Amino acid sequence: MKFYLFLFLCLYGPMFTVLGQPQRANDNPKPNKALQAELIKMGREDQRYRTKWQNQMIKMSPTERSKPNKVDALMKKQEQVDRRNVLRLAEIVQQHGWPDRSLVGEAASGAAFLIVQHAKLGQQEKYLPLIKASAIKGEVNPANAATLEDRVLVGQRKKQRYGTQVHFGPETGGKWELYAIEDEEHVDERRAAVGMEPLAKYLKEFGIEYQPPGRPCKDR
């Protein structure tokens, strides 16, 4: 059964915006300039076809999204780019360790996150401990680490912790649906701790009207 994981990840010039979290691009005075430039270029390639696909999917009705359509070809092209990016990132990590802020600056470190975010589950599992350790040291945006953690949990068919992962497909009638959340009553507390906006606000981007557990339903 075909399904998609979806996340708003956009590149605007030298600045990445991840989950609505603006990140400064050149906060490190002496980054590895060559590696910084390479990763930023890889980040742009990560978004090359993905952003076009995303924009088209937003415009489609649920019925249109639930069926094969012409924009699927965009993601076929993107998959080829993703494979190249993941292979090169593995070489970078082997040589330098995880590309933290202090090594390559904010934007390039964010680009490395994007590449892992769109890699296969086994690669995400491999890099998640490195990213979480860097987040603890203040070298990676904690929202990025939390997002990847959700991605891995969903890939393992477990409940996510931060509510970042949604999906659609024939099984949902083309409508966006939220994957199950562990200890959902406290999800906004966890989101706030890593700098994320409330879940209800985030899910509005997907047309999902979120009702937090334990709250009375609104009158219709």
Protein backbone atom coordinates (compact mmCIF):
# COMPACT_ATOMS: atom_id res chain seq x y z
CA MET A 1 0.00 0.00 0.00
CA LYS A 2 1.43 3.32 -1.04
CA PHE A 3 1.73 6.14 1.44
CA TYR A 4 3.67 9.35 1.86
CA LEU A 5 5.36 11.00 4.81
CA PHE A 6 5.10 14.74 4.52
CA LEU A 7 7.00 17.56 6.16
CA PHE A 8 7.27 21.25 5.34
CA LEU A 9 10.98 21.69 4.62
CA CYS A 10 11.79 24.71 2.51
CA LEU A 11 15.00 26.38 1.45
CA TYR A 12 15.10 30.16 1.15
CA GLY A 13 18.47 31.37 -0.09
CA PRO A 14 21.08 30.93 2.68
CA MET A 15 18.51 30.12 5.37
CA PHE A 16 16.66 26.90 6.07
CA THR A 17 13.24 26.95 7.70
CA VAL A 18 12.47 23.66 9.42
CA LEU A 19 9.05 23.27 11.03
CA GLY A 20 8.73 27.05 11.16
CA GLN A 21 12.00 27.39 13.10
CA PRO A 22 14.24 30.08 11.52
CA GLN A 23 17.92 29.20 11.75
CA ARG A 24 20.82 31.63 11.28
CA ALA A 25 23.10 30.64 8.43
CA ASN A 26 26.57 31.88 9.41
CA ASP A 27 26.76 31.88 13.19
CA ASN A 28 30.16 30.13 13.21
CA PRO A 29 33.02 32.55 12.36
CA LYS A 30 35.34 29.84 11.00
CA PRO A 31 33.39 26.98 9.46
CA ASN A 32 34.84 24.53 6.97
CA LYS A 33 33.94 26.67 3.96
CA ALA A 34 34.34 23.98 1.31
CA LEU A 35 32.22 21.49 3.23
CA GLN A 36 29.71 24.19 4.11
CA ALA A 37 29.21 25.10 0.45
CA GLU A 38 28.92 21.46 -0.59
CA LEU A 39 26.27 20.66 2.02
CA ILE A 40 24.22 23.74 1.18
CA LYS A 41 24.27 22.70 -2.47
CA MET A 42 23.17 19.19 -1.45
CA GLY A 43 20.37 20.75 0.59
CA ARG A 44 19.13 22.62 -2.46
CA GLU A 45 19.20 19.38 -4.43
CA ASP A 46 17.20 17.73 -1.67
CA GLN A 47 14.44 20.26 -2.35
CA ARG A 48 14.81 20.36 -6.14
CA TYR A 49 11.76 18.25 -7.06
CA ARG A 50 10.35 17.74 -3.57
CA THR A 51 9.12 21.31 -3.25
CA LYS A 52 7.39 21.17 -6.64
CA TRP A 53 5.71 17.92 -5.64
CA GLN A 54 4.67 19.39 -2.30
CA ASN A 55 3.13 22.48 -3.90
CA GLN A 56 1.16 20.39 -6.37
CA MET A 57 -0.11 18.05 -3.66
CA ILE A 58 -1.37 20.96 -1.58
CA LYS A 59 -3.46 22.15 -4.53
CA MET A 60 -5.02 18.75 -5.21
CA SER A 61 -8.28 17.48 -3.78
CA PRO A 62 -8.13 14.39 -1.55
CA THR A 63 -9.55 12.30 -4.39
CA GLU A 64 -6.82 13.44 -6.77
CA ARG A 65 -4.10 12.81 -4.18
CA SER A 66 -5.30 9.24 -3.53
CA LYS A 67 -4.71 8.18 -7.15
CA PRO A 68 -1.54 7.89 -9.25
CA ASN A 69 -0.94 11.19 -10.98
CA LYS A 70 1.59 13.03 -13.13
CA VAL A 71 3.43 14.62 -10.21
CA ASP A 72 4.54 11.18 -9.01
CA ALA A 73 7.26 11.47 -11.65
CA LEU A 74 8.77 14.35 -9.69
CA MET A 75 9.44 12.11 -6.72
CA LYS A 76 10.98 9.46 -8.96
CA LYS A 77 13.51 12.07 -10.03
CA GLN A 78 13.97 13.21 -6.44
CA GLU A 79 14.72 9.66 -5.31
CA GLN A 80 17.72 9.54 -7.64
CA VAL A 81 19.03 12.78 -6.13
CA ASP A 82 18.40 11.49 -2.61
CA ARG A 83 20.48 8.36 -3.23
CA ARG A 84 23.45 10.45 -4.36
CA ASN A 85 23.11 12.77 -1.39
CA VAL A 86 22.98 9.93 1.14
CA LEU A 87 26.08 8.27 -0.28
CA ARG A 88 28.05 11.51 -0.12
CA LEU A 89 26.81 12.30 3.37
CA ALA A 90 28.07 8.91 4.57
CA GLU A 91 31.54 9.85 3.30
CA ILE A 92 31.36 13.22 5.05
CA VAL A 93 30.32 11.69 8.37
CA GLN A 94 33.04 9.06 8.16
CA GLN A 95 35.67 11.77 7.63
CA HIS A 96 34.39 14.58 9.86
CA GLY A 97 31.74 13.14 12.15
CA TRP A 98 28.27 14.65 12.12
CA PRO A 99 28.41 18.10 10.44
CA ASP A 100 27.57 20.26 13.45
CA ARG A 101 27.03 24.00 13.57
CA SER A 102 30.60 24.59 14.73
CA LEU A 103 31.98 22.67 11.74
CA VAL A 104 29.84 23.93 8.87
CA GLY A 105 27.47 26.59 10.21
CA GLU A 106 23.71 26.49 10.76
CA ALA A 107 22.42 26.25 7.20
CA ALA A 108 24.81 23.50 6.11
CA SER A 109 24.14 21.48 9.26
CA GLY A 110 20.42 21.86 8.53
CA ALA A 111 21.01 20.60 5.01
CA ALA A 112 22.62 17.43 6.39
CA PHE A 113 19.50 16.91 8.50
CA LEU A 114 17.27 17.23 5.44
CA ILE A 115 19.25 14.57 3.62
CA VAL A 116 18.90 12.10 6.50
CA GLN A 117 15.24 13.00 6.93
CA HIS A 118 14.61 11.78 3.39
CA ALA A 119 16.87 8.73 3.55
CA LYS A 120 15.77 5.14 4.10
CA LEU A 121 14.91 3.92 7.59
CA GLY A 122 18.18 2.07 8.16
CA GLN A 123 20.18 5.23 7.46
CA GLN A 124 17.91 7.32 9.68
CA GLU A 125 18.41 4.82 12.51
CA LYS A 126 22.17 5.02 11.99
CA TYR A 127 22.38 8.80 12.23
CA LEU A 128 19.70 9.48 14.85
CA PRO A 129 22.01 8.87 17.86
CA LEU A 130 24.61 11.25 16.39
CA ILE A 131 22.02 13.98 15.79
CA LYS A 132 20.48 13.59 19.24
CA ALA A 133 23.93 13.77 20.86
CA SER A 134 24.72 16.93 18.89
CA ALA A 135 21.38 18.47 19.90
CA ILE A 136 22.24 17.91 23.57
CA LYS A 137 25.53 19.77 23.00
CA GLY A 138 23.70 22.64 21.29
CA GLU A 139 25.23 21.77 17.93
CA VAL A 140 21.97 20.77 16.21
CA ASN A 141 18.51 22.32 16.36
CA PRO A 142 16.59 20.16 18.89
CA ALA A 143 13.48 20.32 16.70
CA ASN A 144 15.43 18.55 13.96
CA ALA A 145 16.45 15.75 16.30
CA ALA A 146 12.85 15.41 17.51
CA THR A 147 11.53 15.29 13.96
CA LEU A 148 13.95 12.57 12.94
CA GLU A 149 13.09 10.62 16.08
CA ASP A 150 9.42 10.69 15.04
CA ARG A 151 10.37 9.63 11.53
CA VAL A 152 12.28 6.63 12.82
CA LEU A 153 9.54 5.60 15.26
CA VAL A 154 6.89 5.72 12.53
CA GLY A 155 9.19 3.74 10.24
CA GLN A 156 9.47 1.13 12.99
CA ARG A 157 5.66 1.05 13.23
CA LYS A 158 5.73 2.62 16.68
CA LYS A 159 3.96 5.70 18.02
CA GLN A 160 5.68 9.02 17.42
CA ARG A 161 6.48 11.42 20.28
CA TYR A 162 6.20 14.94 18.81
CA GLY A 163 3.41 14.65 16.23
CA THR A 164 5.51 15.74 13.27
CA GLN A 165 4.54 12.91 10.94
CA VAL A 166 1.38 12.77 8.85
CA HIS A 167 0.47 10.75 5.79
CA PHE A 168 -2.03 10.24 3.02
CA GLY A 169 -2.79 7.62 0.43
CA PRO A 170 -5.57 5.37 -0.83
CA GLU A 171 -6.05 4.09 2.72
CA THR A 172 -6.99 7.62 3.88
CA GLY A 173 -9.01 8.61 0.83
CA GLY A 174 -6.30 11.13 -0.01
CA LYS A 175 -6.79 13.10 3.20
CA TRP A 176 -3.90 13.97 5.49
CA GLU A 177 -3.95 11.96 8.71
CA LEU A 178 -1.78 12.13 11.81
CA TYR A 179 0.16 9.07 12.86
CA ALA A 180 -0.53 7.86 16.42
CA ILE A 181 1.27 9.68 19.24
CA GLU A 182 2.68 8.23 22.44
CA ASP A 183 1.39 9.94 25.61
CA GLU A 184 -0.58 12.34 23.42
CA GLU A 185 -1.89 14.32 26.40
CA HIS A 186 1.59 15.80 26.88
CA VAL A 187 2.66 16.17 23.25
CA ASP A 188 2.56 19.98 23.29
CA GLU A 189 4.82 20.02 26.34
CA ARG A 190 7.37 17.93 24.48
CA ARG A 191 7.01 20.10 21.38
CA ALA A 192 7.52 23.29 23.37
CA ALA A 193 10.65 21.84 24.98
CA VAL A 194 12.31 21.55 21.56
CA GLY A 195 11.00 24.85 20.21
CA MET A 196 8.05 23.58 18.16
CA GLU A 197 4.71 25.33 17.80
CA PRO A 198 1.55 23.72 19.27
CA LEU A 199 0.42 20.64 17.40
CA ALA A 200 -2.97 22.09 16.43
CA LYS A 201 -1.29 25.03 14.71
CA TYR A 202 1.18 22.79 12.88
CA LEU A 203 -1.56 20.46 11.63
CA LYS A 204 -3.59 23.31 10.15
CA GLU A 205 -0.97 23.38 7.37
CA PHE A 206 -2.35 20.02 6.30
CA GLY A 207 -6.01 20.91 6.72
CA ILE A 208 -6.25 18.76 9.86
CA GLU A 209 -8.46 20.13 12.65
CA TYR A 210 -6.74 18.69 15.68
CA GLN A 211 -8.67 18.09 18.91
CA PRO A 212 -6.26 17.54 21.84
CA PRO A 213 -7.13 14.54 24.04
CA GLY A 214 -9.24 15.31 27.08
CA ARG A 215 -10.72 18.50 25.67
CA PRO A 216 -14.45 18.67 24.89
CA CYS A 217 -15.30 18.65 21.23
CA LYS A 218 -16.43 21.92 19.69
CA ASP A 219 -20.06 22.27 18.80
CA ARG A 220 -20.62 21.74 15.12
